[in-house]
PDB file of N, CA and C in Angstrom:
ATOM      1  N   MET A   1      13.164  21.490  -5.125  1.00  0.00           N
ATOM      2  CA  MET A   1      12.662  21.165  -3.814  1.00  0.00           C
ATOM      3  C   MET A   1      12.200  19.704  -3.789  1.00  0.00           C
ATOM      4  N   SER A   2      12.475  19.050  -2.661  1.00  0.00           N
ATOM      5  CA  SER A   2      12.107  17.635  -2.510  1.00  0.00           C
ATOM      6  C   SER A   2      10.847  17.516  -1.666  1.00  0.00           C
ATOM      7  N   TYR A   3       9.869  16.707  -2.127  1.00  0.00           N
ATOM      8  CA  TYR A   3       8.682  16.482  -1.366  1.00  0.00           C
ATOM      9  C   TYR A   3       8.586  14.999  -1.020  1.00  0.00           C
ATOM     10  N   GLY A   4       8.090  14.705   0.147  1.00  0.00           N
ATOM     11  CA  GLY A   4       7.885  13.332   0.559  1.00  0.00           C
ATOM     12  C   GLY A   4       8.951  12.845   1.528  1.00  0.00           C
ATOM     13  N   LYS A   5       8.823  11.580   1.804  1.00  0.00           N
ATOM     14  CA  LYS A   5       9.777  10.889   2.708  1.00  0.00           C
ATOM     15  C   LYS A   5      10.193   9.553   2.102  1.00  0.00           C
ATOM     16  N   LYS A   6      11.281   8.984   2.615  1.00  0.00           N
ATOM     17  CA  LYS A   6      11.805   7.726   2.048  1.00  0.00           C
ATOM     18  C   LYS A   6      11.246   6.477   2.756  1.00  0.00           C
ATOM     19  N   VAL A   7      10.719   6.644   3.962  1.00  0.00           N
ATOM     20  CA  VAL A   7      10.143   5.467   4.702  1.00  0.00           C
ATOM     21  C   VAL A   7       8.742   5.808   5.161  1.00  0.00           C
ATOM     22  N   TRP A   8       7.845   4.883   4.855  1.00  0.00           N
ATOM     23  CA  TRP A   8       6.427   5.004   5.237  1.00  0.00           C
ATOM     24  C   TRP A   8       5.985   3.702   5.893  1.00  0.00           C
ATOM     25  N   ILE A   9       5.160   3.792   6.952  1.00  0.00           N
ATOM     26  CA  ILE A   9       4.628   2.584   7.571  1.00  0.00           C
ATOM     27  C   ILE A   9       3.096   2.755   7.729  1.00  0.00           C
ATOM     28  N   PHE A  10       2.379   1.736   7.307  1.00  0.00           N
ATOM     29  CA  PHE A  10       0.936   1.678   7.459  1.00  0.00           C
ATOM     30  C   PHE A  10       0.655   0.449   8.384  1.00  0.00           C
ATOM     31  N   PRO A  11       0.368   0.717   9.677  1.00  0.00           N
ATOM     32  CA  PRO A  11       0.259  -0.364  10.610  1.00  0.00           C
ATOM     33  C   PRO A  11      -1.050  -1.177  10.559  1.00  0.00           C
ATOM     34  N   ASP A  12      -2.086  -0.654   9.914  1.00  0.00           N
ATOM     35  CA  ASP A  12      -3.410  -1.347   9.934  1.00  0.00           C
ATOM     36  C   ASP A  12      -3.837  -1.695   8.505  1.00  0.00           C
ATOM     37  N   ALA A  13      -3.299  -2.770   7.957  1.00  0.00           N
ATOM     38  CA  ALA A  13      -3.710  -3.225   6.646  1.00  0.00           C
ATOM     39  C   ALA A  13      -4.540  -4.515   6.801  1.00  0.00           C
ATOM     40  N   GLU A  14      -5.560  -4.612   6.001  1.00  0.00           N
ATOM     41  CA  GLU A  14      -6.438  -5.782   6.004  1.00  0.00           C
ATOM     42  C   GLU A  14      -7.323  -5.730   4.780  1.00  0.00           C
ATOM     43  N   LEU A  15      -7.291  -6.755   3.963  1.00  0.00           N
ATOM     44  CA  LEU A  15      -8.171  -6.853   2.796  1.00  0.00           C
ATOM     45  C   LEU A  15      -9.568  -7.222   3.292  1.00  0.00           C
ATOM     46  N   PRO A  16     -10.538  -6.290   3.188  1.00  0.00           N
ATOM     47  CA  PRO A  16     -11.883  -6.603   3.683  1.00  0.00           C
ATOM     48  C   PRO A  16     -12.623  -7.538   2.745  1.00  0.00           C
ATOM     49  N   PRO A  17     -13.615  -8.242   3.274  1.00  0.00           N
ATOM     50  CA  PRO A  17     -14.443  -9.116   2.454  1.00  0.00           C
ATOM     51  C   PRO A  17     -15.460  -8.336   1.630  1.00  0.00           C
ATOM     52  N   GLN A  18     -16.110  -9.008   0.712  1.00  0.00           N
ATOM     53  CA  GLN A  18     -17.222  -8.397  -0.033  1.00  0.00           C
ATOM     54  C   GLN A  18     -18.332  -8.113   0.971  1.00  0.00           C
ATOM     55  N   GLY A  19     -18.940  -6.962   0.838  1.00  0.00           N
ATOM     56  CA  GLY A  19     -20.021  -6.584   1.717  1.00  0.00           C
ATOM     57  C   GLY A  19     -21.343  -7.224   1.414  1.00  0.00           C
ATOM     58  N   ALA A  20     -22.268  -7.139   2.319  1.00  0.00           N
ATOM     59  CA  ALA A  20     -23.616  -7.710   2.155  1.00  0.00           C
ATOM     60  C   ALA A  20     -24.313  -7.083   0.966  1.00  0.00           C
ATOM     61  N   ASN A  21     -23.945  -5.842   0.674  1.00  0.00           N
ATOM     62  CA  ASN A  21     -24.558  -5.139  -0.470  1.00  0.00           C
ATOM     63  C   ASN A  21     -23.821  -5.340  -1.788  1.00  0.00           C
ATOM     64  N   LEU A  22     -22.936  -6.344  -1.843  1.00  0.00           N
ATOM     65  CA  LEU A  22     -22.182  -6.754  -2.992  1.00  0.00           C
ATOM     66  C   LEU A  22     -21.112  -5.725  -3.440  1.00  0.00           C
ATOM     67  N   ILE A  23     -20.805  -4.760  -2.582  1.00  0.00           N
ATOM     68  CA  ILE A  23     -19.722  -3.831  -2.844  1.00  0.00           C
ATOM     69  C   ILE A  23     -18.432  -4.620  -2.541  1.00  0.00           C
ATOM     70  N   PRO A  24     -17.526  -4.725  -3.540  1.00  0.00           N
ATOM     71  CA  PRO A  24     -16.300  -5.448  -3.265  1.00  0.00           C
ATOM     72  C   PRO A  24     -15.379  -4.651  -2.364  1.00  0.00           C
ATOM     73  N   GLY A  25     -14.795  -5.322  -1.380  1.00  0.00           N
ATOM     74  CA  GLY A  25     -13.805  -4.713  -0.526  1.00  0.00           C
ATOM     75  C   GLY A  25     -12.477  -4.677  -1.243  1.00  0.00           C
ATOM     76  N   HIS A  26     -11.711  -3.642  -1.053  1.00  0.00           N
ATOM     77  CA  HIS A  26     -10.348  -3.623  -1.556  1.00  0.00           C
ATOM     78  C   HIS A  26      -9.480  -2.651  -0.759  1.00  0.00           C
ATOM     79  N   GLU A  27      -8.215  -2.791  -0.877  1.00  0.00           N
ATOM     80  CA  GLU A  27      -7.278  -1.881  -0.278  1.00  0.00           C
ATOM     81  C   GLU A  27      -6.143  -1.607  -1.256  1.00  0.00           C
ATOM     82  N   SER A  28      -5.483  -0.496  -1.091  1.00  0.00           N
ATOM     83  CA  SER A  28      -4.423  -0.114  -1.995  1.00  0.00           C
ATOM     84  C   SER A  28      -3.434   0.831  -1.329  1.00  0.00           C
ATOM     85  N   VAL A  29      -2.248   0.860  -1.863  1.00  0.00           N
ATOM     86  CA  VAL A  29      -1.226   1.833  -1.472  1.00  0.00           C
ATOM     87  C   VAL A  29      -1.010   2.742  -2.690  1.00  0.00           C
ATOM     88  N   ILE A  30      -1.128   4.023  -2.438  1.00  0.00           N
ATOM     89  CA  ILE A  30      -0.987   5.011  -3.541  1.00  0.00           C
ATOM     90  C   ILE A  30       0.315   5.758  -3.285  1.00  0.00           C
ATOM     91  N   ILE A  31       1.191   5.787  -4.286  1.00  0.00           N
ATOM     92  CA  ILE A  31       2.502   6.419  -4.147  1.00  0.00           C
ATOM     93  C   ILE A  31       2.619   7.476  -5.221  1.00  0.00           C
ATOM     94  N   THR A  32       3.033   8.695  -4.797  1.00  0.00           N
ATOM     95  CA  THR A  32       3.271   9.805  -5.712  1.00  0.00           C
ATOM     96  C   THR A  32       4.744  10.102  -5.706  1.00  0.00           C
ATOM     97  N   ASN A  33       5.355  10.179  -6.871  1.00  0.00           N
ATOM     98  CA  ASN A  33       6.767  10.502  -7.009  1.00  0.00           C
ATOM     99  C   ASN A  33       6.896  11.795  -7.807  1.00  0.00           C
ATOM    100  N   VAL A  34       7.276  12.854  -7.112  1.00  0.00           N
ATOM    101  CA  VAL A  34       7.423  14.151  -7.792  1.00  0.00           C
ATOM    102  C   VAL A  34       8.924  14.482  -8.069  1.00  0.00           C
ATOM    103  N   SER A  35       9.755  13.494  -7.909  1.00  0.00           N
ATOM    104  CA  SER A  35      11.175  13.741  -8.207  1.00  0.00           C
ATOM    105  C   SER A  35      11.442  13.545  -9.703  1.00  0.00           C
ATOM    106  N   ASP A  36      12.707  13.765 -10.123  1.00  0.00           N
ATOM    107  CA  ASP A  36      13.056  13.579 -11.537  1.00  0.00           C
ATOM    108  C   ASP A  36      13.710  12.260 -11.824  1.00  0.00           C
ATOM    109  N   GLU A  37      13.615  11.331 -10.866  1.00  0.00           N
ATOM    110  CA  GLU A  37      14.132   9.997 -11.111  1.00  0.00           C
ATOM    111  C   GLU A  37      13.131   8.946 -10.620  1.00  0.00           C
ATOM    112  N   THR A  38      13.229   7.738 -11.173  1.00  0.00           N
ATOM    113  CA  THR A  38      12.339   6.653 -10.805  1.00  0.00           C
ATOM    114  C   THR A  38      12.487   6.283  -9.373  1.00  0.00           C
ATOM    115  N   ALA A  39      11.355   6.136  -8.683  1.00  0.00           N
ATOM    116  CA  ALA A  39      11.381   5.642  -7.290  1.00  0.00           C
ATOM    117  C   ALA A  39      11.319   4.120  -7.325  1.00  0.00           C
ATOM    118  N   VAL A  40      12.280   3.534  -6.673  1.00  0.00           N
ATOM    119  CA  VAL A  40      12.283   2.069  -6.472  1.00  0.00           C
ATOM    120  C   VAL A  40      11.873   1.862  -5.029  1.00  0.00           C
ATOM    121  N   VAL A  41      10.686   1.278  -4.861  1.00  0.00           N
ATOM    122  CA  VAL A  41      10.092   1.178  -3.546  1.00  0.00           C
ATOM    123  C   VAL A  41      10.093  -0.265  -3.111  1.00  0.00           C
ATOM    124  N   LYS A  42      10.710  -0.532  -1.979  1.00  0.00           N
ATOM    125  CA  LYS A  42      10.686  -1.843  -1.364  1.00  0.00           C
ATOM    126  C   LYS A  42       9.512  -1.924  -0.431  1.00  0.00           C
ATOM    127  N   PHE A  43       8.648  -2.844  -0.661  1.00  0.00           N
ATOM    128  CA  PHE A  43       7.490  -3.149   0.239  1.00  0.00           C
ATOM    129  C   PHE A  43       7.911  -4.299   1.174  1.00  0.00           C
ATOM    130  N   THR A  44       7.675  -4.131   2.457  1.00  0.00           N
ATOM    131  CA  THR A  44       7.850  -5.209   3.405  1.00  0.00           C
ATOM    132  C   THR A  44       6.503  -5.388   4.070  1.00  0.00           C
ATOM    133  N   LEU A  45       5.931  -6.560   3.970  1.00  0.00           N
ATOM    134  CA  LEU A  45       4.667  -6.902   4.608  1.00  0.00           C
ATOM    135  C   LEU A  45       4.978  -7.615   5.915  1.00  0.00           C
ATOM    136  N   ILE A  46       4.462  -7.077   7.010  1.00  0.00           N
ATOM    137  CA  ILE A  46       4.733  -7.555   8.350  1.00  0.00           C
ATOM    138  C   ILE A  46       3.467  -8.131   8.918  1.00  0.00           C
ATOM    139  N   TYR A  47       3.495  -9.462   9.238  1.00  0.00           N
ATOM    140  CA  TYR A  47       2.285 -10.188   9.646  1.00  0.00           C
ATOM    141  C   TYR A  47       2.227 -10.395  11.152  1.00  0.00           C
ATOM    142  N   THR A  48       1.080 -10.797  11.629  1.00  0.00           N
ATOM    143  CA  THR A  48       0.926 -11.102  13.050  1.00  0.00           C
ATOM    144  C   THR A  48       1.481 -12.502  13.392  1.00  0.00           C
ATOM    145  N   ASP A  49       1.446 -13.405  12.441  1.00  0.00           N
ATOM    146  CA  ASP A  49       1.753 -14.820  12.737  1.00  0.00           C
ATOM    147  C   ASP A  49       2.712 -15.511  11.784  1.00  0.00           C
ATOM    148  N   LYS A  50       3.441 -14.746  10.943  1.00  0.00           N
ATOM    149  CA  LYS A  50       4.423 -15.374  10.039  1.00  0.00           C
ATOM    150  C   LYS A  50       5.494 -14.362   9.704  1.00  0.00           C
ATOM    151  N   ALA A  51       6.565 -14.856   9.125  1.00  0.00           N
ATOM    152  CA  ALA A  51       7.735 -14.036   8.801  1.00  0.00           C
ATOM    153  C   ALA A  51       7.382 -12.969   7.759  1.00  0.00           C
ATOM    154  N   PRO A  52       8.012 -11.791   7.859  1.00  0.00           N
ATOM    155  CA  PRO A  52       7.771 -10.737   6.856  1.00  0.00           C
ATOM    156  C   PRO A  52       8.258 -11.174   5.456  1.00  0.00           C
ATOM    157  N   VAL A  53       7.653 -10.588   4.422  1.00  0.00           N
ATOM    158  CA  VAL A  53       8.067 -10.795   3.040  1.00  0.00           C
ATOM    159  C   VAL A  53       8.255  -9.458   2.390  1.00  0.00           C
ATOM    160  N   SER A  54       9.081  -9.427   1.343  1.00  0.00           N
ATOM    161  CA  SER A  54       9.395  -8.180   0.669  1.00  0.00           C
ATOM    162  C   SER A  54       9.337  -8.345  -0.844  1.00  0.00           C
ATOM    163  N   PHE A  55       9.005  -7.230  -1.523  1.00  0.00           N
ATOM    164  CA  PHE A  55       9.065  -7.147  -2.997  1.00  0.00           C
ATOM    165  C   PHE A  55       9.268  -5.683  -3.351  1.00  0.00           C
ATOM    166  N   THR A  56       9.556  -5.385  -4.598  1.00  0.00           N
ATOM    167  CA  THR A  56       9.788  -3.998  -5.013  1.00  0.00           C
ATOM    168  C   THR A  56       8.778  -3.606  -6.117  1.00  0.00           C
ATOM    169  N   ALA A  57       8.540  -2.320  -6.198  1.00  0.00           N
ATOM    170  CA  ALA A  57       7.725  -1.749  -7.253  1.00  0.00           C
ATOM    171  C   ALA A  57       8.365  -0.416  -7.641  1.00  0.00           C
ATOM    172  N   GLU A  58       8.134   0.016  -8.842  1.00  0.00           N
ATOM    173  CA  GLU A  58       8.712   1.271  -9.309  1.00  0.00           C
ATOM    174  C   GLU A  58       7.574   2.286  -9.621  1.00  0.00           C
ATOM    175  N   VAL A  59       7.908   3.563  -9.360  1.00  0.00           N
ATOM    176  CA  VAL A  59       7.016   4.654  -9.735  1.00  0.00           C
ATOM    177  C   VAL A  59       7.860   5.639 -10.536  1.00  0.00           C
ATOM    178  N   GLU A  60       7.470   5.859 -11.782  1.00  0.00           N
ATOM    179  CA  GLU A  60       8.203   6.752 -12.667  1.00  0.00           C
ATOM    180  C   GLU A  60       8.220   8.189 -12.158  1.00  0.00           C
ATOM    181  N   PRO A  61       9.173   9.010 -12.608  1.00  0.00           N
ATOM    182  CA  PRO A  61       9.250  10.417 -12.207  1.00  0.00           C
ATOM    183  C   PRO A  61       7.926  11.168 -12.547  1.00  0.00           C
ATOM    184  N   MET A  62       7.516  12.039 -11.642  1.00  0.00           N
ATOM    185  CA  MET A  62       6.304  12.849 -11.849  1.00  0.00           C
ATOM    186  C   MET A  62       5.086  12.046 -12.167  1.00  0.00           C
ATOM    187  N   ARG A  63       4.911  10.901 -11.449  1.00  0.00           N
ATOM    188  CA  ARG A  63       3.804  10.019 -11.678  1.00  0.00           C
ATOM    189  C   ARG A  63       3.227   9.557 -10.311  1.00  0.00           C
ATOM    190  N   VAL A  64       1.994   9.048 -10.384  1.00  0.00           N
ATOM    191  CA  VAL A  64       1.355   8.409  -9.252  1.00  0.00           C
ATOM    192  C   VAL A  64       1.045   6.986  -9.633  1.00  0.00           C
ATOM    193  N   ARG A  65       1.139   6.092  -8.648  1.00  0.00           N
ATOM    194  CA  ARG A  65       0.859   4.694  -8.904  1.00  0.00           C
ATOM    195  C   ARG A  65       0.016   4.115  -7.730  1.00  0.00           C
ATOM    196  N   CYS A  66      -1.019   3.428  -8.125  1.00  0.00           N
ATOM    197  CA  CYS A  66      -1.905   2.765  -7.118  1.00  0.00           C
ATOM    198  C   CYS A  66      -1.665   1.290  -7.184  1.00  0.00           C
ATOM    199  N   LEU A  67      -1.286   0.672  -6.091  1.00  0.00           N
ATOM    200  CA  LEU A  67      -1.029  -0.753  -6.050  1.00  0.00           C
ATOM    201  C   LEU A  67      -2.093  -1.412  -5.170  1.00  0.00           C
ATOM    202  N   ARG A  68      -2.856  -2.289  -5.756  1.00  0.00           N
ATOM    203  CA  ARG A  68      -3.927  -2.983  -5.023  1.00  0.00           C
ATOM    204  C   ARG A  68      -3.369  -4.260  -4.418  1.00  0.00           C
ATOM    205  N   SER A  69      -3.663  -4.498  -3.161  1.00  0.00           N
ATOM    206  CA  SER A  69      -3.106  -5.648  -2.456  1.00  0.00           C
ATOM    207  C   SER A  69      -3.670  -6.987  -2.943  1.00  0.00           C
ATOM    208  N   ASN A  70      -4.799  -6.990  -3.600  1.00  0.00           N
ATOM    209  CA  ASN A  70      -5.368  -8.225  -4.060  1.00  0.00           C
ATOM    210  C   ASN A  70      -5.106  -8.501  -5.557  1.00  0.00           C
ATOM    211  N   LYS A  71      -4.235  -7.689  -6.148  1.00  0.00           N
ATOM    212  CA  LYS A  71      -3.903  -7.857  -7.557  1.00  0.00           C
ATOM    213  C   LYS A  71      -2.504  -8.387  -7.714  1.00  0.00           C
ATOM    214  N   GLU A  72      -2.388  -9.540  -8.324  1.00  0.00           N
ATOM    215  CA  GLU A  72      -1.050 -10.150  -8.507  1.00  0.00           C
ATOM    216  C   GLU A  72      -0.129  -9.268  -9.333  1.00  0.00           C
ATOM    217  N   CYS A  73      -0.683  -8.471 -10.267  1.00  0.00           N
ATOM    218  CA  CYS A  73       0.156  -7.607 -11.061  1.00  0.00           C
ATOM    219  C   CYS A  73       0.763  -6.478 -10.187  1.00  0.00           C
ATOM    220  N   ASP A  74       0.221  -6.211  -9.020  1.00  0.00           N
ATOM    221  CA  ASP A  74       0.750  -5.215  -8.131  1.00  0.00           C
ATOM    222  C   ASP A  74       1.562  -5.789  -6.954  1.00  0.00           C
ATOM    223  N   PHE A  75       1.004  -6.810  -6.303  1.00  0.00           N
ATOM    224  CA  PHE A  75       1.642  -7.418  -5.126  1.00  0.00           C
ATOM    225  C   PHE A  75       2.319  -8.750  -5.384  1.00  0.00           C
ATOM    226  N   GLY A  76       2.287  -9.188  -6.637  1.00  0.00           N
ATOM    227  CA  GLY A  76       2.963 -10.441  -6.985  1.00  0.00           C
ATOM    228  C   GLY A  76       2.425 -11.628  -6.209  1.00  0.00           C
ATOM    229  N   ALA A  77       3.325 -12.498  -5.763  1.00  0.00           N
ATOM    230  CA  ALA A  77       2.934 -13.680  -5.029  1.00  0.00           C
ATOM    231  C   ALA A  77       2.452 -13.349  -3.622  1.00  0.00           C
ATOM    232  N   TYR A  78       2.495 -12.095  -3.194  1.00  0.00           N
ATOM    233  CA  TYR A  78       2.114 -11.708  -1.856  1.00  0.00           C
ATOM    234  C   TYR A  78       0.790 -11.002  -1.780  1.00  0.00           C
ATOM    235  N   THR A  79      -0.132 -11.335  -2.683  1.00  0.00           N
ATOM    236  CA  THR A  79      -1.432 -10.735  -2.619  1.00  0.00           C
ATOM    237  C   THR A  79      -2.074 -11.049  -1.275  1.00  0.00           C
ATOM    238  N   ALA A  80      -2.842 -10.076  -0.795  1.00  0.00           N
ATOM    239  CA  ALA A  80      -3.405 -10.189   0.538  1.00  0.00           C
ATOM    240  C   ALA A  80      -4.531 -11.228   0.588  1.00  0.00           C
ATOM    241  N   ALA A  81      -4.601 -11.915   1.698  1.00  0.00           N
ATOM    242  CA  ALA A  81      -5.699 -12.824   1.967  1.00  0.00           C
ATOM    243  C   ALA A  81      -6.806 -12.076   2.658  1.00  0.00           C
ATOM    244  N   GLU A  82      -8.028 -12.307   2.290  1.00  0.00           N
ATOM    245  CA  GLU A  82      -9.163 -11.639   2.896  1.00  0.00           C
ATOM    246  C   GLU A  82      -9.150 -11.764   4.406  1.00  0.00           C
ATOM    247  N   GLY A  83      -9.228 -10.670   5.107  1.00  0.00           N
ATOM    248  CA  GLY A  83      -9.319 -10.638   6.534  1.00  0.00           C
ATOM    249  C   GLY A  83      -7.985 -10.796   7.290  1.00  0.00           C
ATOM    250  N   GLU A  84      -6.897 -10.956   6.573  1.00  0.00           N
ATOM    251  CA  GLU A  84      -5.554 -11.115   7.211  1.00  0.00           C
ATOM    252  C   GLU A  84      -5.031  -9.774   7.683  1.00  0.00           C
ATOM    253  N   GLN A  85      -4.659  -9.725   8.921  1.00  0.00           N
ATOM    254  CA  GLN A  85      -4.125  -8.467   9.502  1.00  0.00           C
ATOM    255  C   GLN A  85      -2.618  -8.412   9.240  1.00  0.00           C
ATOM    256  N   TYR A  86      -2.136  -7.251   8.732  1.00  0.00           N
ATOM    257  CA  TYR A  86      -0.705  -7.091   8.514  1.00  0.00           C
ATOM    258  C   TYR A  86      -0.396  -5.621   8.474  1.00  0.00           C
ATOM    259  N   ALA A  87       0.900  -5.276   8.395  1.00  0.00           N
ATOM    260  CA  ALA A  87       1.362  -3.891   8.295  1.00  0.00           C
ATOM    261  C   ALA A  87       2.179  -3.829   6.993  1.00  0.00           C
ATOM    262  N   ILE A  88       2.289  -2.607   6.458  1.00  0.00           N
ATOM    263  CA  ILE A  88       3.059  -2.356   5.235  1.00  0.00           C
ATOM    264  C   ILE A  88       4.107  -1.317   5.509  1.00  0.00           C
ATOM    265  N   MET A  89       5.380  -1.677   5.206  1.00  0.00           N
ATOM    266  CA  MET A  89       6.461  -0.720   5.318  1.00  0.00           C
ATOM    267  C   MET A  89       6.996  -0.488   3.889  1.00  0.00           C
ATOM    268  N   LEU A  90       7.156   0.777   3.539  1.00  0.00           N
ATOM    269  CA  LEU A  90       7.716   1.201   2.238  1.00  0.00           C
ATOM    270  C   LEU A  90       9.046   1.859   2.475  1.00  0.00           C
ATOM    271  N   GLU A  91      10.055   1.479   1.662  1.00  0.00           N
ATOM    272  CA  GLU A  91      11.388   2.143   1.733  1.00  0.00           C
ATOM    273  C   GLU A  91      11.743   2.481   0.289  1.00  0.00           C
ATOM    274  N   SER A  92      11.920   3.757   0.042  1.00  0.00           N
ATOM    275  CA  SER A  92      12.156   4.270  -1.325  1.00  0.00           C
ATOM    276  C   SER A  92      13.534   4.878  -1.443  1.00  0.00           C
ATOM    277  N   ASN A  93      14.109   4.819  -2.650  1.00  0.00           N
ATOM    278  CA  ASN A  93      15.421   5.405  -2.897  1.00  0.00           C
ATOM    279  C   ASN A  93      15.327   6.930  -3.046  1.00  0.00           C
ATOM    280  N   VAL A  94      14.131   7.446  -3.330  1.00  0.00           N
ATOM    281  CA  VAL A  94      13.895   8.903  -3.437  1.00  0.00           C
ATOM    282  C   VAL A  94      12.663   9.224  -2.559  1.00  0.00           C
ATOM    283  N   PRO A  95      12.546  10.476  -2.096  1.00  0.00           N
ATOM    284  CA  PRO A  95      11.331  10.796  -1.314  1.00  0.00           C
ATOM    285  C   PRO A  95      10.075  10.662  -2.169  1.00  0.00           C
ATOM    286  N   VAL A  96       9.050  10.055  -1.538  1.00  0.00           N
ATOM    287  CA  VAL A  96       7.742   9.875  -2.175  1.00  0.00           C
ATOM    288  C   VAL A  96       6.661  10.269  -1.130  1.00  0.00           C
ATOM    289  N   VAL A  97       5.489  10.489  -1.618  1.00  0.00           N
ATOM    290  CA  VAL A  97       4.308  10.664  -0.734  1.00  0.00           C
ATOM    291  C   VAL A  97       3.454   9.420  -0.912  1.00  0.00           C
ATOM    292  N   ALA A  98       3.111   8.812   0.213  1.00  0.00           N
ATOM    293  CA  ALA A  98       2.350   7.526   0.178  1.00  0.00           C
ATOM    294  C   ALA A  98       1.090   7.664   1.033  1.00  0.00           C
ATOM    295  N   GLN A  99       0.120   6.893   0.624  1.00  0.00           N
ATOM    296  CA  GLN A  99      -1.177   6.880   1.301  1.00  0.00           C
ATOM    297  C   GLN A  99      -1.757   5.486   1.222  1.00  0.00           C
ATOM    298  N   TYR A 100      -2.486   5.071   2.245  1.00  0.00           N
ATOM    299  CA  TYR A 100      -3.154   3.767   2.259  1.00  0.00           C
ATOM    300  C   TYR A 100      -4.649   4.049   2.110  1.00  0.00           C
ATOM    301  N   GLY A 101      -5.345   3.235   1.330  1.00  0.00           N
ATOM    302  CA  GLY A 101      -6.777   3.410   1.198  1.00  0.00           C
ATOM    303  C   GLY A 101      -7.475   2.053   1.291  1.00  0.00           C
ATOM    304  N   ARG A 102      -8.670   2.057   1.878  1.00  0.00           N
ATOM    305  CA  ARG A 102      -9.416   0.820   1.971  1.00  0.00           C
ATOM    306  C   ARG A 102     -10.886   1.104   1.685  1.00  0.00           C
ATOM    307  N   ALA A 103     -11.484   0.316   0.820  1.00  0.00           N
ATOM    308  CA  ALA A 103     -12.915   0.309   0.591  1.00  0.00           C
ATOM    309  C   ALA A 103     -13.478  -0.731   1.581  1.00  0.00           C
ATOM    310  N   GLU A 104     -14.181  -0.247   2.569  1.00  0.00           N
ATOM    311  CA  GLU A 104     -14.644  -1.118   3.689  1.00  0.00           C
ATOM    312  C   GLU A 104     -16.143  -1.341   3.559  1.00  0.00           C
ATOM    313  N   PRO A 105     -16.578  -2.412   2.864  1.00  0.00           N
ATOM    314  CA  PRO A 105     -18.009  -2.596   2.609  1.00  0.00           C
ATOM    315  C   PRO A 105     -18.763  -3.091   3.865  1.00  0.00           C
ATOM    316  N   ARG A 106     -18.077  -3.533   4.890  1.00  0.00           N
ATOM    317  CA  ARG A 106     -18.783  -3.964   6.098  1.00  0.00           C
ATOM    318  C   ARG A 106     -19.505  -2.785   6.741  1.00  0.00           C
ATOM    319  N   THR A 107     -18.979  -1.573   6.505  1.00  0.00           N
ATOM    320  CA  THR A 107     -19.590  -0.373   7.059  1.00  0.00           C
ATOM    321  C   THR A 107     -19.911   0.643   5.962  1.00  0.00           C
ATOM    322  N   VAL A 108     -19.802   0.203   4.707  1.00  0.00           N
ATOM    323  CA  VAL A 108     -20.028   1.043   3.536  1.00  0.00           C
ATOM    324  C   VAL A 108     -19.214   2.353   3.670  1.00  0.00           C
ATOM    325  N   ASN A 109     -17.912   2.156   3.755  1.00  0.00           N
ATOM    326  CA  ASN A 109     -16.993   3.251   3.977  1.00  0.00           C
ATOM    327  C   ASN A 109     -15.811   3.162   3.055  1.00  0.00           C
ATOM    328  N   PHE A 110     -15.193   4.269   2.816  1.00  0.00           N
ATOM    329  CA  PHE A 110     -13.886   4.277   2.137  1.00  0.00           C
ATOM    330  C   PHE A 110     -13.034   5.306   2.925  1.00  0.00           C
ATOM    331  N   TYR A 111     -11.859   4.861   3.286  1.00  0.00           N
ATOM    332  CA  TYR A 111     -11.031   5.845   3.991  1.00  0.00           C
ATOM    333  C   TYR A 111      -9.589   5.718   3.541  1.00  0.00           C
ATOM    334  N   THR A 112      -8.851   6.778   3.756  1.00  0.00           N
ATOM    335  CA  THR A 112      -7.440   6.788   3.446  1.00  0.00           C
ATOM    336  C   THR A 112      -6.679   7.309   4.643  1.00  0.00           C
ATOM    337  N   THR A 113      -5.420   7.007   4.706  1.00  0.00           N
ATOM    338  CA  THR A 113      -4.558   7.517   5.790  1.00  0.00           C
ATOM    339  C   THR A 113      -3.136   7.683   5.233  1.00  0.00           C
ATOM    340  N   PRO A 114      -2.469   8.755   5.650  1.00  0.00           N
ATOM    341  CA  PRO A 114      -1.106   8.948   5.177  1.00  0.00           C
ATOM    342  C   PRO A 114      -0.088   8.065   5.870  1.00  0.00           C
ATOM    343  N   GLY A 115      -0.389   7.441   6.967  1.00  0.00           N
ATOM    344  CA  GLY A 115       0.573   6.582   7.654  1.00  0.00           C
ATOM    345  C   GLY A 115       1.661   7.372   8.363  1.00  0.00           C
ATOM    346  N   TYR A 116       2.642   6.640   8.898  1.00  0.00           N
ATOM    347  CA  TYR A 116       3.768   7.231   9.587  1.00  0.00           C
ATOM    348  C   TYR A 116       4.922   7.343   8.594  1.00  0.00           C
ATOM    349  N   CYS A 117       5.689   8.426   8.652  1.00  0.00           N
ATOM    350  CA  CYS A 117       6.783   8.571   7.682  1.00  0.00           C
ATOM    351  C   CYS A 117       8.026   9.108   8.392  1.00  0.00           C
ATOM    352  N   GLU A 118       9.189   8.805   7.840  1.00  0.00           N
ATOM    353  CA  GLU A 118      10.472   9.276   8.342  1.00  0.00           C
ATOM    354  C   GLU A 118      11.203   9.954   7.228  1.00  0.00           C
TER     355      GLU A 118
END
């Protein structure tokens, strides 16, 4: 049985600043691959005021991977700028389950959302 979808869109991405209580803000995309082959996931970052950029990441079979937008080892040269509004589109060669999470220190909150999928 196949679980997940091949296309996911998270329309509200933004790396939050550090909060007044010194809690660091962060955001991440969490991808779960329950197939028996490696998921090759193309990320396209869509901005409000500049051209989209793309990069790829892999998730091994029967694994979960958390990619932080402010970590060069995860987002490469496209690490998020604090406060920049953008959207994230994922396109995978195999169905995956994806989720967006944000630690929001401005309101001392953490939330996740599954996004839109096809």
